[in-house]
């Protein structure tokens, strides 16, 4: 009986952990999507990243627009930790020119 309860809880947590936040409106005309990897491993899950971009594209296509990435944050999986992908984006008119993605610094060093 205890094994069934533990198994049910473990499976529930696994299903919850790999679900997407969905598209969340942020400031003005920008949006956010976050998604945890569905299974532990080591490194970045490219399928997880692809699913986040597919969801963002589907959202923008419904508006007749396309995705412009504002910021992408990838947290690689490690032993005991699921990886995740976060995407901040805008929906813009189709046919624009691609711009380089600006990434936040991994470490900030202040020199006095």
C-alpha atoms as a PDB file:
ATOM      1  CA  UNK A   1       0.000   0.000   0.000  1.00  0.00           C
ATOM      2  CA  UNK A   2       2.805   2.441   0.903  1.00  0.00           C
ATOM      3  CA  UNK A   3       4.603   1.619  -2.348  1.00  0.00           C
ATOM      4  CA  UNK A   4       1.509   2.547  -4.364  1.00  0.00           C
ATOM      5  CA  UNK A   5       1.189   5.885  -2.572  1.00  0.00           C
ATOM      6  CA  UNK A   6       4.881   6.691  -3.027  1.00  0.00           C
ATOM      7  CA  UNK A   7       4.747   5.669  -6.695  1.00  0.00           C
ATOM      8  CA  UNK A   8       1.626   7.801  -7.267  1.00  0.00           C
ATOM      9  CA  UNK A   9       3.251  10.825  -5.638  1.00  0.00           C
ATOM     10  CA  UNK A  10       6.484  10.349  -7.595  1.00  0.00           C
ATOM     11  CA  UNK A  11       4.641  10.071 -10.918  1.00  0.00           C
ATOM     12  CA  UNK A  12       2.516  13.127 -10.093  1.00  0.00           C
ATOM     13  CA  UNK A  13       5.606  15.191  -9.313  1.00  0.00           C
ATOM     14  CA  UNK A  14       7.266  14.065 -12.523  1.00  0.00           C
ATOM     15  CA  UNK A  15       4.254  15.092 -14.608  1.00  0.00           C
ATOM     16  CA  UNK A  16       3.987  18.435 -12.841  1.00  0.00           C
ATOM     17  CA  UNK A  17       7.693  19.133 -13.164  1.00  0.00           C
ATOM     18  CA  UNK A  18       7.758  18.803 -16.960  1.00  0.00           C
ATOM     19  CA  UNK A  19       4.754  21.024 -17.614  1.00  0.00           C
ATOM     20  CA  UNK A  20       5.078  24.468 -19.128  1.00  0.00           C
ATOM     21  CA  UNK A  21       3.962  27.653 -17.413  1.00  0.00           C
ATOM     22  CA  UNK A  22       2.143  28.547 -20.603  1.00  0.00           C
ATOM     23  CA  UNK A  23       2.421  32.027 -22.054  1.00  0.00           C
ATOM     24  CA  UNK A  24       2.432  34.619 -19.281  1.00  0.00           C
ATOM     25  CA  UNK A  25       2.011  38.320 -20.161  1.00  0.00           C
ATOM     26  CA  UNK A  26       4.819  40.452 -18.751  1.00  0.00           C
ATOM     27  CA  UNK A  27       5.321  44.210 -19.048  1.00  0.00           C
ATOM     28  CA  UNK A  28       3.571  45.928 -21.937  1.00  0.00           C
ATOM     29  CA  UNK A  29       3.871  43.682 -25.000  1.00  0.00           C
ATOM     30  CA  UNK A  30       6.333  41.050 -23.789  1.00  0.00           C
ATOM     31  CA  UNK A  31       5.684  37.486 -22.653  1.00  0.00           C
ATOM     32  CA  UNK A  32       7.339  34.692 -20.680  1.00  0.00           C
ATOM     33  CA  UNK A  33       7.341  30.881 -20.910  1.00  0.00           C
ATOM     34  CA  UNK A  34       9.172  28.573 -18.522  1.00  0.00           C
ATOM     35  CA  UNK A  35       9.451  24.799 -18.678  1.00  0.00           C
ATOM     36  CA  UNK A  36      11.285  22.203 -16.582  1.00  0.00           C
ATOM     37  CA  UNK A  37      12.830  19.136 -18.188  1.00  0.00           C
ATOM     38  CA  UNK A  38      10.740  16.006 -17.746  1.00  0.00           C
ATOM     39  CA  UNK A  39      13.590  13.794 -16.619  1.00  0.00           C
ATOM     40  CA  UNK A  40      16.916  14.207 -14.849  1.00  0.00           C
ATOM     41  CA  UNK A  41      20.141  14.055 -16.787  1.00  0.00           C
ATOM     42  CA  UNK A  42      23.209  16.102 -17.419  1.00  0.00           C
ATOM     43  CA  UNK A  43      23.315  19.113 -19.727  1.00  0.00           C
ATOM     44  CA  UNK A  44      20.782  21.151 -21.660  1.00  0.00           C
ATOM     45  CA  UNK A  45      17.697  19.450 -23.096  1.00  0.00           C
ATOM     46  CA  UNK A  46      17.336  20.588 -26.695  1.00  0.00           C
ATOM     47  CA  UNK A  47      13.868  19.043 -26.939  1.00  0.00           C
ATOM     48  CA  UNK A  48      12.752  21.126 -23.942  1.00  0.00           C
ATOM     49  CA  UNK A  49      14.127  24.271 -25.585  1.00  0.00           C
ATOM     50  CA  UNK A  50      12.399  23.383 -28.857  1.00  0.00           C
ATOM     51  CA  UNK A  51       9.057  22.851 -27.108  1.00  0.00           C
ATOM     52  CA  UNK A  52       9.273  26.290 -25.457  1.00  0.00           C
ATOM     53  CA  UNK A  53       9.952  27.953 -28.813  1.00  0.00           C
ATOM     54  CA  UNK A  54       7.139  25.961 -30.476  1.00  0.00           C
ATOM     55  CA  UNK A  55       4.710  27.186 -27.820  1.00  0.00           C
ATOM     56  CA  UNK A  56       5.870  30.794 -28.251  1.00  0.00           C
ATOM     57  CA  UNK A  57       5.593  30.528 -32.049  1.00  0.00           C
ATOM     58  CA  UNK A  58       2.080  29.065 -31.854  1.00  0.00           C
ATOM     59  CA  UNK A  59       1.035  31.940 -29.566  1.00  0.00           C
ATOM     60  CA  UNK A  60       2.405  34.613 -31.915  1.00  0.00           C
ATOM     61  CA  UNK A  61       1.112  32.933 -35.086  1.00  0.00           C
ATOM     62  CA  UNK A  62      -2.441  33.132 -33.685  1.00  0.00           C
ATOM     63  CA  UNK A  63      -1.940  36.917 -33.656  1.00  0.00           C
ATOM     64  CA  UNK A  64      -0.498  36.940 -37.192  1.00  0.00           C
ATOM     65  CA  UNK A  65       2.934  37.790 -35.797  1.00  0.00           C
ATOM     66  CA  UNK A  66       6.254  36.051 -35.170  1.00  0.00           C
ATOM     67  CA  UNK A  67       8.527  35.580 -32.146  1.00  0.00           C
ATOM     68  CA  UNK A  68      11.322  37.986 -31.289  1.00  0.00           C
ATOM     69  CA  UNK A  69      13.470  36.618 -28.466  1.00  0.00           C
ATOM     70  CA  UNK A  70      14.297  39.136 -25.759  1.00  0.00           C
ATOM     71  CA  UNK A  71      16.093  36.797 -23.366  1.00  0.00           C
ATOM     72  CA  UNK A  72      16.653  33.072 -23.135  1.00  0.00           C
ATOM     73  CA  UNK A  73      17.783  31.360 -19.933  1.00  0.00           C
ATOM     74  CA  UNK A  74      18.886  27.726 -20.015  1.00  0.00           C
ATOM     75  CA  UNK A  75      19.647  25.891 -16.788  1.00  0.00           C
ATOM     76  CA  UNK A  76      21.331  22.567 -17.529  1.00  0.00           C
ATOM     77  CA  UNK A  77      20.260  19.448 -15.680  1.00  0.00           C
ATOM     78  CA  UNK A  78      22.664  18.079 -13.101  1.00  0.00           C
ATOM     79  CA  UNK A  79      22.556  15.174 -10.668  1.00  0.00           C
ATOM     80  CA  UNK A  80      19.611  15.841  -8.373  1.00  0.00           C
ATOM     81  CA  UNK A  81      18.358  18.829 -10.381  1.00  0.00           C
ATOM     82  CA  UNK A  82      16.092  19.079 -13.418  1.00  0.00           C
ATOM     83  CA  UNK A  83      17.114  21.518 -16.111  1.00  0.00           C
ATOM     84  CA  UNK A  84      14.834  24.263 -17.383  1.00  0.00           C
ATOM     85  CA  UNK A  85      14.301  26.687 -20.233  1.00  0.00           C
ATOM     86  CA  UNK A  86      12.915  30.203 -19.801  1.00  0.00           C
ATOM     87  CA  UNK A  87      12.021  32.450 -22.709  1.00  0.00           C
ATOM     88  CA  UNK A  88      11.144  36.154 -22.611  1.00  0.00           C
ATOM     89  CA  UNK A  89       9.786  37.256 -25.995  1.00  0.00           C
ATOM     90  CA  UNK A  90       7.682  39.697 -27.981  1.00  0.00           C
ATOM     91  CA  UNK A  91       5.359  39.096 -30.901  1.00  0.00           C
ATOM     92  CA  UNK A  92       6.377  41.331 -33.813  1.00  0.00           C
ATOM     93  CA  UNK A  93       5.339  41.884 -37.417  1.00  0.00           C
ATOM     94  CA  UNK A  94       6.441  39.148 -39.783  1.00  0.00           C
ATOM     95  CA  UNK A  95       9.340  39.678 -42.126  1.00  0.00           C
ATOM     96  CA  UNK A  96      11.622  41.566 -39.766  1.00  0.00           C
ATOM     97  CA  UNK A  97      15.357  41.158 -39.790  1.00  0.00           C
ATOM     98  CA  UNK A  98      16.890  38.856 -37.216  1.00  0.00           C
ATOM     99  CA  UNK A  99      18.963  40.459 -34.496  1.00  0.00           C
ATOM    100  CA  UNK A 100      21.601  38.900 -32.310  1.00  0.00           C
ATOM    101  CA  UNK A 101      20.320  37.511 -29.032  1.00  0.00           C
ATOM    102  CA  UNK A 102      21.769  39.362 -26.063  1.00  0.00           C
ATOM    103  CA  UNK A 103      22.563  37.088 -23.153  1.00  0.00           C
ATOM    104  CA  UNK A 104      22.970  38.074 -19.524  1.00  0.00           C
ATOM    105  CA  UNK A 105      26.405  37.629 -18.013  1.00  0.00           C
ATOM    106  CA  UNK A 106      26.912  34.395 -16.078  1.00  0.00           C
ATOM    107  CA  UNK A 107      29.000  36.198 -13.462  1.00  0.00           C
ATOM    108  CA  UNK A 108      29.338  39.895 -12.669  1.00  0.00           C
ATOM    109  CA  UNK A 109      32.645  41.022 -11.179  1.00  0.00           C
ATOM    110  CA  UNK A 110      32.841  44.414  -9.518  1.00  0.00           C
ATOM    111  CA  UNK A 111      36.265  46.041  -9.353  1.00  0.00           C
ATOM    112  CA  UNK A 112      36.828  48.708  -6.733  1.00  0.00           C
END
